[in-house]
């Protein structure tokens, strides 16, 4: 359906922005209440559009402290974001080839646009060499030098695991900062300066709508 978007790349962000600026884009459904969902809710609201945010879990930003989650939800509601928590999207219905409503077990909601923000996973199914070891989620297992079990083959970014700088254990950190530092470490190693990846903390930062009196 036209009007259904995903947000991962810069071109996709530019396409969504252009669609949001159209007069007919008044009610925007955002599916997913994580980092990207939060930032999309802010972007939609600051442009004077109505954001309807659907999250299948009981709260946004799953995995965080409940008091923190509730504070975020209170702030979103004060700015006019319509939260549908614990509500799983069943389907998107369209008319004339374009998305027109979101359907869940609890109701049907008219919308003009839909943005998926339900997270990412390692895109590694194409790598079938049995020497390439992977985690259960598909992330490629690497050494401290970001080298795989295949000599001279390295991996970095969302497709690979890293070491947690605090626990020393493997972790998956699908974040731009992690990919950037790991990629730079590999580049230095390949150009003659062995540079182990120092480890990730897995922290994240998100800006949400300002306070109403701020």
N, C-alpha and C. Protein backbone atom coordinates (compact mmCIF):
# COMPACT_ATOMS: atom_id res chain seq x y z
N UNK A 1 0.83 -1.20 0.00
CA UNK A 1 0.00 0.00 0.00
C UNK A 1 0.87 1.25 0.00
N UNK A 2 0.43 2.27 -0.71
CA UNK A 2 1.11 3.55 -0.64
C UNK A 2 0.91 4.15 0.75
N UNK A 3 1.88 4.91 1.19
CA UNK A 3 1.77 5.55 2.50
C UNK A 3 2.22 4.69 3.65
N UNK A 4 2.85 3.53 3.37
CA UNK A 4 3.41 2.66 4.41
C UNK A 4 4.92 2.71 4.29
N UNK A 5 5.60 3.06 5.37
CA UNK A 5 7.03 3.30 5.31
C UNK A 5 7.78 2.53 6.41
N UNK A 6 9.04 2.29 6.16
CA UNK A 6 9.97 1.83 7.19
C UNK A 6 11.05 2.89 7.30
N UNK A 7 11.70 2.95 8.47
CA UNK A 7 12.72 3.97 8.70
C UNK A 7 14.02 3.31 9.14
N UNK A 8 14.98 3.26 8.21
CA UNK A 8 16.31 2.73 8.53
C UNK A 8 17.40 3.58 7.91
N UNK A 9 17.19 3.99 6.65
CA UNK A 9 18.23 4.72 5.93
C UNK A 9 17.87 6.21 5.81
N UNK A 10 18.87 7.00 5.45
CA UNK A 10 18.64 8.44 5.26
C UNK A 10 17.66 8.70 4.12
N UNK A 11 17.77 8.02 2.97
CA UNK A 11 16.76 8.24 1.92
C UNK A 11 15.34 7.92 2.39
N UNK A 12 15.18 6.87 3.20
CA UNK A 12 13.85 6.56 3.73
C UNK A 12 13.36 7.68 4.64
N UNK A 13 14.25 8.25 5.44
CA UNK A 13 13.87 9.36 6.31
C UNK A 13 13.43 10.57 5.48
N UNK A 14 14.14 10.83 4.38
CA UNK A 14 13.78 11.97 3.52
C UNK A 14 12.43 11.75 2.86
N UNK A 15 12.15 10.50 2.48
CA UNK A 15 10.85 10.19 1.86
C UNK A 15 9.72 10.38 2.86
N UNK A 16 9.93 9.95 4.11
CA UNK A 16 8.92 10.12 5.14
C UNK A 16 8.70 11.59 5.43
N UNK A 17 9.77 12.36 5.52
CA UNK A 17 9.64 13.80 5.78
C UNK A 17 8.82 14.48 4.70
N UNK A 18 9.10 14.15 3.44
CA UNK A 18 8.35 14.75 2.33
C UNK A 18 6.87 14.40 2.42
N UNK A 19 6.57 13.15 2.79
CA UNK A 19 5.17 12.73 2.91
C UNK A 19 4.48 13.45 4.06
N UNK A 20 5.22 13.66 5.17
CA UNK A 20 4.64 14.34 6.33
C UNK A 20 4.27 15.79 6.03
N UNK A 21 5.00 16.40 5.11
CA UNK A 21 4.76 17.81 4.81
C UNK A 21 3.56 18.05 3.89
N UNK A 22 2.99 16.97 3.37
CA UNK A 22 1.81 17.11 2.53
C UNK A 22 0.58 17.41 3.37
N UNK A 23 -0.30 18.22 2.84
CA UNK A 23 -1.48 18.66 3.60
C UNK A 23 -2.38 17.49 4.00
N UNK A 24 -2.44 16.46 3.16
CA UNK A 24 -3.35 15.35 3.46
C UNK A 24 -2.83 14.43 4.55
N UNK A 25 -1.59 14.58 4.95
CA UNK A 25 -1.02 13.73 6.01
C UNK A 25 -1.35 14.33 7.37
N UNK A 26 -2.48 13.92 7.92
CA UNK A 26 -2.95 14.49 9.19
C UNK A 26 -2.84 13.50 10.36
N UNK A 27 -3.10 12.23 10.11
CA UNK A 27 -3.06 11.22 11.17
C UNK A 27 -2.03 10.14 10.78
N UNK A 28 -0.99 10.04 11.59
CA UNK A 28 0.13 9.17 11.27
C UNK A 28 0.22 8.04 12.29
N UNK A 29 0.13 6.79 11.82
CA UNK A 29 0.28 5.64 12.70
C UNK A 29 1.76 5.26 12.77
N UNK A 30 2.26 5.09 13.98
CA UNK A 30 3.63 4.65 14.21
C UNK A 30 3.54 3.30 14.91
N UNK A 31 4.08 2.27 14.30
CA UNK A 31 4.01 0.92 14.86
C UNK A 31 5.35 0.61 15.51
N UNK A 32 5.36 0.59 16.84
CA UNK A 32 6.58 0.33 17.58
C UNK A 32 6.91 1.47 18.53
N UNK A 33 7.20 1.12 19.79
CA UNK A 33 7.43 2.13 20.81
C UNK A 33 8.84 2.15 21.35
N UNK A 34 9.82 1.82 20.51
CA UNK A 34 11.22 1.89 20.93
C UNK A 34 11.83 3.23 20.57
N UNK A 35 13.15 3.25 20.42
CA UNK A 35 13.85 4.50 20.12
C UNK A 35 13.32 5.18 18.87
N UNK A 36 13.21 4.42 17.77
CA UNK A 36 12.77 5.02 16.52
C UNK A 36 11.31 5.47 16.61
N UNK A 37 10.49 4.68 17.29
CA UNK A 37 9.10 5.07 17.47
C UNK A 37 8.96 6.36 18.25
N UNK A 38 9.78 6.51 19.30
CA UNK A 38 9.76 7.74 20.09
C UNK A 38 10.15 8.95 19.24
N UNK A 39 11.22 8.80 18.47
CA UNK A 39 11.68 9.92 17.66
C UNK A 39 10.70 10.25 16.54
N UNK A 40 10.03 9.23 16.00
CA UNK A 40 9.01 9.48 14.98
C UNK A 40 7.82 10.20 15.58
N UNK A 41 7.42 9.81 16.81
CA UNK A 41 6.29 10.48 17.47
C UNK A 41 6.61 11.96 17.67
N UNK A 42 7.84 12.25 18.05
CA UNK A 42 8.24 13.65 18.23
C UNK A 42 8.21 14.40 16.90
N UNK A 43 8.80 13.79 15.86
CA UNK A 43 8.86 14.46 14.56
C UNK A 43 7.47 14.76 14.02
N UNK A 44 6.57 13.78 14.15
CA UNK A 44 5.20 13.95 13.67
C UNK A 44 4.49 15.06 14.45
N UNK A 45 4.63 15.04 15.76
CA UNK A 45 3.95 16.02 16.61
C UNK A 45 4.47 17.43 16.37
N UNK A 46 5.78 17.59 16.26
CA UNK A 46 6.36 18.91 16.05
C UNK A 46 5.97 19.51 14.70
N UNK A 47 5.52 18.67 13.78
CA UNK A 47 5.05 19.16 12.48
C UNK A 47 3.54 19.36 12.45
N UNK A 48 2.93 19.30 13.63
CA UNK A 48 1.51 19.61 13.73
C UNK A 48 0.60 18.49 13.28
N UNK A 49 1.14 17.26 13.19
CA UNK A 49 0.31 16.12 12.80
C UNK A 49 -0.09 15.32 14.04
N UNK A 50 -1.11 14.49 13.89
CA UNK A 50 -1.57 13.63 14.97
C UNK A 50 -0.84 12.31 14.91
N UNK A 51 -0.13 11.96 15.97
CA UNK A 51 0.58 10.69 16.03
C UNK A 51 -0.22 9.67 16.81
N UNK A 52 -0.43 8.49 16.20
CA UNK A 52 -1.05 7.35 16.88
C UNK A 52 0.03 6.28 17.00
N UNK A 53 0.45 6.00 18.23
CA UNK A 53 1.56 5.08 18.44
C UNK A 53 1.05 3.74 18.98
N UNK A 54 1.38 2.65 18.26
CA UNK A 54 0.93 1.31 18.63
C UNK A 54 2.13 0.51 19.14
N UNK A 55 1.98 -0.03 20.36
CA UNK A 55 3.03 -0.84 20.97
C UNK A 55 2.38 -2.07 21.57
N UNK A 56 2.86 -3.25 21.18
CA UNK A 56 2.24 -4.49 21.65
C UNK A 56 2.54 -4.78 23.12
N UNK A 57 3.63 -4.22 23.65
CA UNK A 57 3.96 -4.39 25.06
C UNK A 57 3.15 -3.42 25.92
N UNK A 58 3.12 -3.62 27.24
CA UNK A 58 2.32 -2.74 28.11
C UNK A 58 2.84 -1.31 28.17
N UNK A 59 4.12 -1.09 27.86
CA UNK A 59 4.71 0.24 27.92
C UNK A 59 5.62 0.47 26.73
N UNK A 60 5.89 1.75 26.45
CA UNK A 60 6.89 2.09 25.45
C UNK A 60 8.28 1.82 26.02
N UNK A 61 9.28 1.82 25.18
CA UNK A 61 10.68 1.63 25.59
C UNK A 61 10.84 0.40 26.47
N UNK A 62 10.45 -0.75 25.93
CA UNK A 62 10.53 -2.00 26.67
C UNK A 62 11.93 -2.29 27.19
N UNK A 63 11.98 -2.83 28.39
CA UNK A 63 13.26 -3.16 29.00
C UNK A 63 13.78 -2.10 29.95
N UNK A 64 13.13 -0.95 29.97
CA UNK A 64 13.55 0.11 30.88
C UNK A 64 12.69 0.12 32.13
N UNK A 65 13.09 0.91 33.10
CA UNK A 65 12.37 1.02 34.37
C UNK A 65 10.95 1.52 34.12
N UNK A 66 9.99 0.93 34.83
CA UNK A 66 8.58 1.27 34.61
C UNK A 66 8.28 2.73 34.92
N UNK A 67 8.92 3.30 35.96
CA UNK A 67 8.69 4.72 36.27
C UNK A 67 9.14 5.60 35.11
N UNK A 68 10.26 5.23 34.52
CA UNK A 68 10.77 5.96 33.36
C UNK A 68 9.80 5.84 32.19
N UNK A 69 9.30 4.63 31.96
CA UNK A 69 8.36 4.40 30.86
C UNK A 69 7.09 5.24 31.06
N UNK A 70 6.57 5.23 32.28
CA UNK A 70 5.34 5.98 32.55
C UNK A 70 5.55 7.48 32.41
N UNK A 71 6.73 7.96 32.77
CA UNK A 71 7.02 9.39 32.60
C UNK A 71 7.04 9.76 31.12
N UNK A 72 7.62 8.89 30.30
CA UNK A 72 7.62 9.12 28.87
C UNK A 72 6.20 9.13 28.32
N UNK A 73 5.41 8.16 28.74
CA UNK A 73 4.03 8.06 28.25
C UNK A 73 3.21 9.28 28.65
N UNK A 74 3.42 9.76 29.88
CA UNK A 74 2.70 10.95 30.34
C UNK A 74 3.07 12.15 29.49
N UNK A 75 4.35 12.28 29.17
CA UNK A 75 4.80 13.40 28.35
C UNK A 75 4.24 13.32 26.93
N UNK A 76 4.21 12.11 26.38
CA UNK A 76 3.66 11.93 25.05
C UNK A 76 2.18 12.32 25.01
N UNK A 77 1.43 11.85 25.99
CA UNK A 77 -0.01 12.17 26.02
C UNK A 77 -0.24 13.67 26.17
N UNK A 78 0.56 14.34 26.99
CA UNK A 78 0.40 15.79 27.18
C UNK A 78 0.61 16.56 25.88
N UNK A 79 1.41 15.96 24.98
CA UNK A 79 1.65 16.61 23.70
C UNK A 79 0.70 16.12 22.62
N UNK A 80 -0.29 15.34 23.00
CA UNK A 80 -1.32 14.93 22.05
C UNK A 80 -1.08 13.63 21.31
N UNK A 81 -0.04 12.90 21.70
CA UNK A 81 0.19 11.60 21.06
C UNK A 81 -0.83 10.60 21.58
N UNK A 82 -1.47 9.89 20.69
CA UNK A 82 -2.48 8.90 21.06
C UNK A 82 -1.80 7.54 21.21
N UNK A 83 -1.69 7.07 22.45
CA UNK A 83 -0.98 5.83 22.73
C UNK A 83 -1.93 4.64 22.72
N UNK A 84 -1.52 3.58 22.05
CA UNK A 84 -2.26 2.32 22.05
C UNK A 84 -1.31 1.24 22.56
N UNK A 85 -1.24 1.11 23.88
CA UNK A 85 -0.30 0.20 24.52
C UNK A 85 -0.93 -1.17 24.73
N UNK A 86 -0.13 -2.21 24.61
CA UNK A 86 -0.66 -3.56 24.71
C UNK A 86 -1.63 -3.88 23.58
N UNK A 87 -1.44 -3.22 22.45
CA UNK A 87 -2.36 -3.36 21.32
C UNK A 87 -1.55 -3.72 20.07
N UNK A 88 -1.72 -4.93 19.61
CA UNK A 88 -0.96 -5.43 18.47
C UNK A 88 -1.70 -5.17 17.16
N UNK A 89 -1.00 -4.62 16.20
CA UNK A 89 -1.61 -4.34 14.90
C UNK A 89 -1.86 -5.65 14.16
N UNK A 90 -3.11 -5.86 13.75
CA UNK A 90 -3.48 -7.08 13.02
C UNK A 90 -3.28 -6.91 11.52
N UNK A 91 -3.66 -5.74 11.02
CA UNK A 91 -3.53 -5.51 9.58
C UNK A 91 -3.66 -4.01 9.28
N UNK A 92 -3.23 -3.68 8.07
CA UNK A 92 -3.40 -2.32 7.54
C UNK A 92 -4.38 -2.42 6.38
N UNK A 93 -5.43 -1.65 6.41
CA UNK A 93 -6.42 -1.67 5.34
C UNK A 93 -6.24 -0.44 4.46
N UNK A 94 -6.52 -0.63 3.18
CA UNK A 94 -6.33 0.46 2.25
C UNK A 94 -7.53 0.70 1.36
N UNK A 95 -7.51 1.85 0.72
CA UNK A 95 -8.50 2.20 -0.29
C UNK A 95 -7.76 2.88 -1.44
N UNK A 96 -8.06 2.46 -2.66
CA UNK A 96 -7.40 3.05 -3.81
C UNK A 96 -5.90 2.83 -3.82
N UNK A 97 -5.46 1.73 -3.20
CA UNK A 97 -4.04 1.42 -3.19
C UNK A 97 -3.23 2.12 -2.12
N UNK A 98 -3.90 2.88 -1.25
CA UNK A 98 -3.19 3.62 -0.20
C UNK A 98 -3.71 3.21 1.18
N UNK A 99 -2.83 3.25 2.16
CA UNK A 99 -3.21 2.90 3.54
C UNK A 99 -4.24 3.89 4.06
N UNK A 100 -5.29 3.35 4.72
CA UNK A 100 -6.34 4.22 5.23
C UNK A 100 -6.73 3.93 6.68
N UNK A 101 -6.39 2.73 7.19
CA UNK A 101 -6.72 2.46 8.59
C UNK A 101 -5.86 1.34 9.15
N UNK A 102 -5.70 1.42 10.47
CA UNK A 102 -5.01 0.39 11.24
C UNK A 102 -6.07 -0.43 11.98
N UNK A 103 -5.93 -1.75 11.93
CA UNK A 103 -6.88 -2.62 12.62
C UNK A 103 -6.13 -3.44 13.67
N UNK A 104 -6.68 -3.45 14.88
CA UNK A 104 -6.15 -4.25 15.97
C UNK A 104 -7.30 -5.05 16.57
N UNK A 105 -7.03 -5.99 17.48
CA UNK A 105 -8.13 -6.71 18.13
C UNK A 105 -9.04 -5.80 18.93
N UNK A 106 -8.59 -4.59 19.21
CA UNK A 106 -9.38 -3.67 20.04
C UNK A 106 -10.10 -2.59 19.26
N UNK A 107 -9.81 -2.46 17.97
CA UNK A 107 -10.50 -1.42 17.23
C UNK A 107 -9.91 -1.16 15.87
N UNK A 108 -10.50 -0.16 15.19
CA UNK A 108 -10.06 0.26 13.86
C UNK A 108 -9.83 1.76 13.90
N UNK A 109 -8.72 2.22 13.29
CA UNK A 109 -8.34 3.63 13.43
C UNK A 109 -7.96 4.20 12.06
N UNK A 110 -8.63 5.27 11.69
CA UNK A 110 -8.35 5.92 10.41
C UNK A 110 -7.00 6.62 10.47
N UNK A 111 -6.19 6.41 9.43
CA UNK A 111 -4.87 7.03 9.35
C UNK A 111 -4.59 7.44 7.90
N UNK A 112 -3.61 8.31 7.73
CA UNK A 112 -3.19 8.74 6.39
C UNK A 112 -1.82 8.21 6.01
N UNK A 113 -1.04 7.81 7.03
CA UNK A 113 0.30 7.27 6.81
C UNK A 113 0.59 6.24 7.88
N UNK A 114 1.50 5.31 7.58
CA UNK A 114 1.93 4.31 8.54
C UNK A 114 3.45 4.22 8.49
N UNK A 115 4.09 4.27 9.66
CA UNK A 115 5.54 4.12 9.73
C UNK A 115 5.86 2.94 10.64
N UNK A 116 6.56 1.95 10.11
CA UNK A 116 7.00 0.81 10.92
C UNK A 116 8.28 1.18 11.66
N UNK A 117 8.28 0.95 12.98
CA UNK A 117 9.47 1.20 13.80
C UNK A 117 9.59 0.06 14.82
N UNK A 118 9.69 -1.16 14.29
CA UNK A 118 9.61 -2.34 15.16
C UNK A 118 10.96 -3.00 15.38
N UNK A 119 12.04 -2.26 15.10
CA UNK A 119 13.37 -2.78 15.40
C UNK A 119 14.05 -3.42 14.21
N UNK A 120 15.27 -3.90 14.44
CA UNK A 120 16.07 -4.51 13.39
C UNK A 120 16.60 -5.85 13.89
N UNK A 121 17.14 -6.63 12.96
CA UNK A 121 17.82 -7.87 13.32
C UNK A 121 18.95 -8.07 12.31
N UNK A 122 19.94 -8.87 12.66
CA UNK A 122 21.08 -9.06 11.75
C UNK A 122 20.64 -9.64 10.41
N UNK A 123 21.08 -9.01 9.34
CA UNK A 123 20.73 -9.45 7.99
C UNK A 123 21.85 -10.36 7.47
N UNK A 124 21.89 -11.57 8.00
CA UNK A 124 23.03 -12.47 7.70
C UNK A 124 22.62 -13.79 7.08
N UNK A 125 21.37 -13.94 6.69
CA UNK A 125 20.93 -15.22 6.11
C UNK A 125 21.71 -15.58 4.85
N UNK A 126 22.25 -14.56 4.16
CA UNK A 126 22.96 -14.80 2.91
C UNK A 126 24.31 -15.50 3.12
N UNK A 127 24.81 -15.45 4.36
CA UNK A 127 26.11 -16.04 4.65
C UNK A 127 25.92 -17.48 5.14
N UNK A 128 26.21 -18.43 4.30
CA UNK A 128 25.91 -19.84 4.60
C UNK A 128 27.15 -20.69 4.83
N UNK A 129 28.33 -20.11 4.76
CA UNK A 129 29.56 -20.88 4.99
C UNK A 129 29.53 -21.45 6.41
N UNK A 130 29.64 -22.77 6.59
CA UNK A 130 29.55 -23.37 7.93
C UNK A 130 30.65 -22.91 8.88
N UNK A 131 31.72 -22.35 8.34
CA UNK A 131 32.80 -21.85 9.21
C UNK A 131 32.42 -20.54 9.88
N UNK A 132 31.38 -19.89 9.39
CA UNK A 132 30.96 -18.60 9.93
C UNK A 132 29.98 -18.83 11.08
N UNK A 133 30.44 -18.67 12.30
CA UNK A 133 29.62 -18.94 13.48
C UNK A 133 28.71 -17.74 13.76
N UNK A 134 27.49 -18.07 14.23
CA UNK A 134 26.51 -17.02 14.51
C UNK A 134 25.83 -17.24 15.85
N UNK A 135 25.29 -16.14 16.41
CA UNK A 135 24.44 -16.23 17.58
C UNK A 135 23.06 -16.71 17.15
N UNK A 136 22.20 -16.97 18.13
CA UNK A 136 20.84 -17.42 17.82
C UNK A 136 20.09 -16.38 16.98
N UNK A 137 20.39 -15.08 17.19
CA UNK A 137 19.68 -14.05 16.43
C UNK A 137 20.30 -13.80 15.06
N UNK A 138 21.35 -14.53 14.73
CA UNK A 138 21.98 -14.41 13.42
C UNK A 138 23.20 -13.54 13.38
N UNK A 139 23.52 -12.85 14.48
CA UNK A 139 24.70 -11.99 14.51
C UNK A 139 25.97 -12.84 14.38
N UNK A 140 26.91 -12.36 13.60
CA UNK A 140 28.15 -13.10 13.35
C UNK A 140 29.07 -12.98 14.57
N UNK A 141 29.62 -14.10 15.00
CA UNK A 141 30.54 -14.11 16.12
C UNK A 141 31.95 -13.76 15.63
N UNK A 142 32.59 -12.81 16.33
CA UNK A 142 33.91 -12.34 15.92
C UNK A 142 34.86 -12.32 17.11
N UNK A 143 36.14 -12.15 16.81
CA UNK A 143 37.16 -12.01 17.85
C UNK A 143 37.22 -10.55 18.30
N UNK A 144 38.13 -10.24 19.23
CA UNK A 144 38.32 -8.86 19.65
C UNK A 144 38.77 -7.97 18.50
N UNK A 145 39.39 -8.59 17.50
CA UNK A 145 39.83 -7.84 16.31
C UNK A 145 38.72 -7.74 15.27
N UNK A 146 37.49 -8.21 15.61
CA UNK A 146 36.35 -8.23 14.71
C UNK A 146 36.54 -9.18 13.53
N UNK A 147 37.39 -10.20 13.72
CA UNK A 147 37.62 -11.19 12.68
C UNK A 147 36.72 -12.39 12.93
N UNK A 148 36.15 -12.92 11.86
CA UNK A 148 35.28 -14.09 11.96
C UNK A 148 36.13 -15.35 12.06
N UNK A 149 35.46 -16.51 12.09
CA UNK A 149 36.18 -17.78 12.12
C UNK A 149 36.81 -18.11 10.77
N UNK A 150 36.51 -17.33 9.75
CA UNK A 150 37.17 -17.47 8.46
C UNK A 150 38.33 -16.48 8.43
N UNK A 151 39.56 -16.94 8.33
CA UNK A 151 40.71 -16.04 8.36
C UNK A 151 40.60 -14.91 7.34
N UNK A 152 40.96 -13.69 7.79
CA UNK A 152 40.96 -12.49 6.95
C UNK A 152 39.57 -12.03 6.53
N UNK A 153 38.55 -12.56 7.17
CA UNK A 153 37.18 -12.08 6.93
C UNK A 153 36.68 -11.42 8.21
N UNK A 154 36.33 -10.15 8.12
CA UNK A 154 35.94 -9.36 9.29
C UNK A 154 34.46 -8.97 9.18
N UNK A 155 33.87 -8.64 10.30
CA UNK A 155 32.47 -8.22 10.32
C UNK A 155 32.26 -7.13 11.36
N UNK A 156 31.46 -6.14 11.02
CA UNK A 156 31.16 -5.05 11.96
C UNK A 156 29.80 -4.48 11.63
N UNK A 157 29.21 -3.84 12.61
CA UNK A 157 27.90 -3.23 12.41
C UNK A 157 26.78 -4.11 12.95
N UNK A 158 25.57 -3.89 12.46
CA UNK A 158 24.40 -4.61 12.96
C UNK A 158 24.48 -6.11 12.69
N UNK A 159 25.36 -6.54 11.77
CA UNK A 159 25.44 -7.96 11.43
C UNK A 159 26.33 -8.74 12.38
N UNK A 160 27.07 -8.05 13.26
CA UNK A 160 28.07 -8.73 14.08
C UNK A 160 27.88 -8.44 15.56
N UNK A 161 28.36 -9.36 16.40
CA UNK A 161 28.34 -9.14 17.83
C UNK A 161 29.60 -8.38 18.25
N UNK A 162 29.58 -7.85 19.46
CA UNK A 162 30.74 -7.18 20.04
C UNK A 162 30.88 -7.65 21.48
N UNK A 163 31.91 -7.17 22.16
CA UNK A 163 32.11 -7.51 23.56
C UNK A 163 31.60 -6.39 24.45
N UNK A 164 30.88 -6.74 25.50
CA UNK A 164 30.43 -5.74 26.47
C UNK A 164 31.63 -5.27 27.29
N UNK A 165 31.84 -3.96 27.33
CA UNK A 165 33.02 -3.42 27.98
C UNK A 165 33.01 -3.62 29.49
N UNK A 166 31.84 -3.86 30.08
CA UNK A 166 31.75 -4.03 31.53
C UNK A 166 31.81 -5.51 31.92
N UNK A 167 31.01 -6.31 31.25
CA UNK A 167 30.94 -7.74 31.63
C UNK A 167 31.98 -8.60 30.92
N UNK A 168 32.50 -8.11 29.79
CA UNK A 168 33.42 -8.92 29.02
C UNK A 168 32.76 -10.02 28.22
N UNK A 169 31.42 -10.03 28.23
CA UNK A 169 30.69 -11.08 27.52
C UNK A 169 30.20 -10.55 26.15
N UNK A 170 29.94 -11.48 25.23
CA UNK A 170 29.43 -11.06 23.92
C UNK A 170 28.06 -10.41 24.05
N UNK A 171 27.78 -9.47 23.18
CA UNK A 171 26.48 -8.79 23.15
C UNK A 171 26.23 -8.31 21.73
N UNK A 172 24.96 -8.01 21.45
CA UNK A 172 24.59 -7.43 20.16
C UNK A 172 24.19 -6.00 20.41
N UNK A 173 24.87 -5.07 19.76
CA UNK A 173 24.61 -3.65 19.96
C UNK A 173 24.37 -3.01 18.60
N UNK A 174 23.10 -3.00 18.18
CA UNK A 174 22.73 -2.49 16.86
C UNK A 174 22.61 -0.98 16.90
N UNK A 175 23.75 -0.31 17.04
CA UNK A 175 23.77 1.15 17.16
C UNK A 175 24.84 1.72 16.24
N UNK A 176 24.58 2.90 15.72
CA UNK A 176 25.52 3.54 14.81
C UNK A 176 26.88 3.77 15.43
N UNK A 177 26.90 4.15 16.71
CA UNK A 177 28.17 4.42 17.37
C UNK A 177 29.02 3.15 17.44
N UNK A 178 28.39 2.03 17.76
CA UNK A 178 29.11 0.76 17.82
C UNK A 178 29.68 0.40 16.46
N UNK A 179 28.86 0.51 15.42
CA UNK A 179 29.32 0.17 14.06
C UNK A 179 30.46 1.07 13.62
N UNK A 180 30.37 2.35 13.95
CA UNK A 180 31.39 3.32 13.53
C UNK A 180 32.74 2.98 14.14
N UNK A 181 32.77 2.75 15.45
CA UNK A 181 34.03 2.48 16.13
C UNK A 181 34.60 1.13 15.70
N UNK A 182 33.74 0.12 15.57
CA UNK A 182 34.21 -1.21 15.13
C UNK A 182 34.77 -1.14 13.72
N UNK A 183 34.09 -0.41 12.84
CA UNK A 183 34.58 -0.28 11.47
C UNK A 183 35.92 0.41 11.39
N UNK A 184 36.10 1.44 12.22
CA UNK A 184 37.38 2.14 12.25
C UNK A 184 38.49 1.23 12.77
N UNK A 185 38.17 0.42 13.77
CA UNK A 185 39.17 -0.50 14.31
C UNK A 185 39.61 -1.50 13.25
N UNK A 186 38.65 -2.02 12.49
CA UNK A 186 38.98 -2.95 11.42
C UNK A 186 39.86 -2.27 10.37
N UNK A 187 39.51 -1.05 10.00
CA UNK A 187 40.28 -0.33 8.99
C UNK A 187 41.74 -0.15 9.42
N UNK A 188 41.94 0.18 10.69
CA UNK A 188 43.30 0.34 11.19
C UNK A 188 44.06 -1.00 11.16
N UNK A 189 43.36 -2.05 11.54
CA UNK A 189 43.99 -3.37 11.52
C UNK A 189 44.39 -3.75 10.10
N UNK A 190 43.51 -3.53 9.14
CA UNK A 190 43.78 -3.92 7.76
C UNK A 190 44.89 -3.09 7.13
N UNK A 191 45.12 -1.90 7.67
CA UNK A 191 46.17 -1.03 7.10
C UNK A 191 47.45 -1.07 7.90
N UNK A 192 47.59 -2.10 8.75
CA UNK A 192 48.87 -2.33 9.39
C UNK A 192 49.00 -1.95 10.84
N UNK A 193 47.95 -1.45 11.46
CA UNK A 193 47.99 -1.09 12.87
C UNK A 193 46.95 -1.93 13.62
N UNK A 194 47.33 -3.10 14.13
CA UNK A 194 46.36 -3.95 14.83
C UNK A 194 45.63 -3.19 15.93
N UNK A 195 44.31 -3.13 15.81
CA UNK A 195 43.50 -2.33 16.75
C UNK A 195 42.30 -3.15 17.20
N UNK A 196 42.39 -3.81 18.35
CA UNK A 196 41.22 -4.54 18.87
C UNK A 196 40.08 -3.58 19.17
N UNK A 197 38.87 -4.08 18.99
CA UNK A 197 37.70 -3.27 19.36
C UNK A 197 37.63 -3.19 20.89
N UNK A 198 37.51 -1.97 21.46
CA UNK A 198 37.60 -1.82 22.92
C UNK A 198 36.39 -2.30 23.70
N UNK A 199 35.28 -2.58 23.04
CA UNK A 199 34.08 -3.02 23.75
C UNK A 199 33.01 -1.94 23.78
N UNK A 200 31.76 -2.36 23.87
CA UNK A 200 30.63 -1.44 23.86
C UNK A 200 29.94 -1.44 25.22
N UNK A 201 29.33 -0.31 25.54
CA UNK A 201 28.54 -0.21 26.77
C UNK A 201 27.07 -0.50 26.50
N UNK A 202 26.64 -0.28 25.27
CA UNK A 202 25.24 -0.53 24.94
C UNK A 202 24.30 0.55 25.43
N UNK A 203 24.83 1.73 25.69
CA UNK A 203 23.98 2.84 26.14
C UNK A 203 23.24 3.44 24.95
N UNK A 204 22.17 4.14 25.24
CA UNK A 204 21.40 4.81 24.20
C UNK A 204 20.85 6.12 24.70
N UNK A 205 20.71 7.07 23.79
CA UNK A 205 20.18 8.38 24.14
C UNK A 205 19.03 8.71 23.20
N UNK A 206 17.96 9.20 23.75
CA UNK A 206 16.83 9.62 22.92
C UNK A 206 16.30 10.95 23.46
N UNK A 207 16.03 11.86 22.56
CA UNK A 207 15.39 13.12 22.94
C UNK A 207 13.90 12.99 22.65
N UNK A 208 13.09 13.35 23.64
CA UNK A 208 11.66 13.30 23.44
C UNK A 208 11.11 14.73 23.54
N UNK A 209 9.86 14.87 23.24
CA UNK A 209 9.22 16.18 23.20
C UNK A 209 9.55 17.00 24.46
N UNK A 210 9.83 18.29 24.29
CA UNK A 210 10.13 19.13 25.45
C UNK A 210 8.94 19.26 26.38
N UNK A 211 9.21 19.62 27.62
CA UNK A 211 8.10 19.85 28.56
C UNK A 211 7.24 20.98 28.04
N UNK A 212 5.98 20.99 28.40
CA UNK A 212 5.04 21.95 27.84
C UNK A 212 5.40 23.40 28.19
N UNK A 213 6.07 23.59 29.32
CA UNK A 213 6.44 24.95 29.70
C UNK A 213 7.91 25.23 29.43
N UNK A 214 8.57 24.34 28.66
CA UNK A 214 10.00 24.47 28.38
C UNK A 214 10.24 25.13 27.03
